[in-house]
Amino acid sequence: MNNKIKKTLAEIFSVVLELSENTDFVSLRRITEENWDSLAHASIISGIESEFKIELSLADYDRLSSFSSALLIIKEKHQWMRP
């Protein structure tokens, strides 16, 4: 996956969850990150939709449970949007 996508997504997670740049984002999960509450979840979703110009479904909201799952959702949406 494009490094720019990973970097942009890491920036969203960093800002919303107040994480340092040195965070291991690949292992970041909702169940283990104490700052990832319902408000943070909504902010992450909003950030993803805004930055990547995609619309997430309610099913995507539930699937978004880690940094890795967010990458997968973005990849799926971009493939779906291709002509």
Protein backbone atom coordinates (compact mmCIF):
# COMPACT_ATOMS: atom_id res chain seq x y z
CA MET A 1 0.00 0.00 0.00
CA ASN A 2 1.09 3.51 -0.76
CA ASN A 3 3.31 5.02 1.94
CA LYS A 4 1.50 8.35 1.57
CA ILE A 5 -1.76 6.65 2.58
CA LYS A 6 -0.11 5.08 5.62
CA LYS A 7 1.48 8.38 6.60
CA THR A 8 -1.78 10.31 6.25
CA LEU A 9 -3.66 7.69 8.23
CA ALA A 10 -0.98 7.70 10.94
CA GLU A 11 -1.35 11.48 11.18
CA ILE A 12 -5.11 11.12 11.69
CA PHE A 13 -4.60 8.53 14.43
CA SER A 14 -1.82 10.62 16.03
CA VAL A 15 -3.93 13.75 16.25
CA VAL A 16 -7.15 12.08 17.37
CA LEU A 17 -5.59 9.69 19.89
CA GLU A 18 -2.80 12.08 20.96
CA LEU A 19 -0.03 9.64 20.03
CA SER A 20 3.63 10.33 19.28
CA GLU A 21 5.16 9.90 15.84
CA ASN A 22 7.11 6.92 17.17
CA THR A 23 3.97 4.89 17.90
CA ASP A 24 3.85 1.40 16.39
CA PHE A 25 0.69 2.03 14.39
CA VAL A 26 0.59 -1.46 12.89
CA SER A 27 -0.13 -2.93 16.32
CA LEU A 28 -2.60 -0.19 17.32
CA ARG A 29 -6.01 -1.64 18.25
CA ARG A 30 -9.16 -0.08 19.62
CA ILE A 31 -9.41 -2.54 22.50
CA THR A 32 -5.91 -1.75 23.75
CA GLU A 33 -5.76 2.03 23.18
CA GLU A 34 -7.30 3.83 26.16
CA ASN A 35 -7.85 7.09 24.24
CA TRP A 36 -9.88 5.33 21.53
CA ASP A 37 -13.38 5.95 22.88
CA SER A 38 -16.59 6.54 20.92
CA LEU A 39 -15.80 10.22 20.31
CA ALA A 40 -12.30 9.34 19.06
CA HIS A 41 -13.82 6.64 16.84
CA ALA A 42 -16.18 9.19 15.25
CA SER A 43 -13.27 11.60 14.78
CA ILE A 44 -11.12 8.91 13.12
CA ILE A 45 -13.99 8.07 10.76
CA SER A 46 -14.52 11.73 9.94
CA GLY A 47 -10.80 12.21 9.33
CA ILE A 48 -10.61 9.20 7.03
CA GLU A 49 -13.65 10.30 5.03
CA SER A 50 -12.32 13.84 4.70
CA GLU A 51 -8.69 13.04 3.87
CA PHE A 52 -9.32 10.13 1.50
CA LYS A 53 -12.55 11.45 -0.07
CA ILE A 54 -14.45 8.25 0.67
CA GLU A 55 -17.69 7.47 2.46
CA LEU A 56 -17.70 4.76 5.10
CA SER A 57 -20.78 2.64 5.74
CA LEU A 58 -22.14 1.60 9.13
CA ALA A 59 -20.55 -1.81 8.53
CA ASP A 60 -17.20 -0.07 7.99
CA TYR A 61 -17.65 1.78 11.31
CA ASP A 62 -17.86 -1.58 13.08
CA ARG A 63 -14.97 -3.08 11.09
CA LEU A 64 -12.67 -0.18 11.95
CA SER A 65 -11.07 -1.68 15.03
CA SER A 66 -7.37 -1.13 14.35
CA PHE A 67 -4.94 0.85 12.25
CA SER A 68 -4.55 -2.18 9.97
CA SER A 69 -8.31 -2.54 9.49
CA ALA A 70 -8.49 1.15 8.57
CA LEU A 71 -5.84 0.60 5.89
CA LEU A 72 -7.80 -2.35 4.51
CA ILE A 73 -11.05 -0.36 4.40
CA ILE A 74 -9.34 2.51 2.58
CA LYS A 75 -7.78 0.11 0.08
CA GLU A 76 -11.16 -1.55 -0.57
CA LYS A 77 -12.90 1.80 -1.06
CA HIS A 78 -10.25 3.05 -3.48
CA GLN A 79 -10.48 -0.14 -5.56
CA TRP A 80 -14.25 0.13 -5.60
CA MET A 81 -14.06 3.74 -6.82
CA ARG A 82 -11.78 3.00 -9.77
CA PRO A 83 -13.44 3.22 -13.22
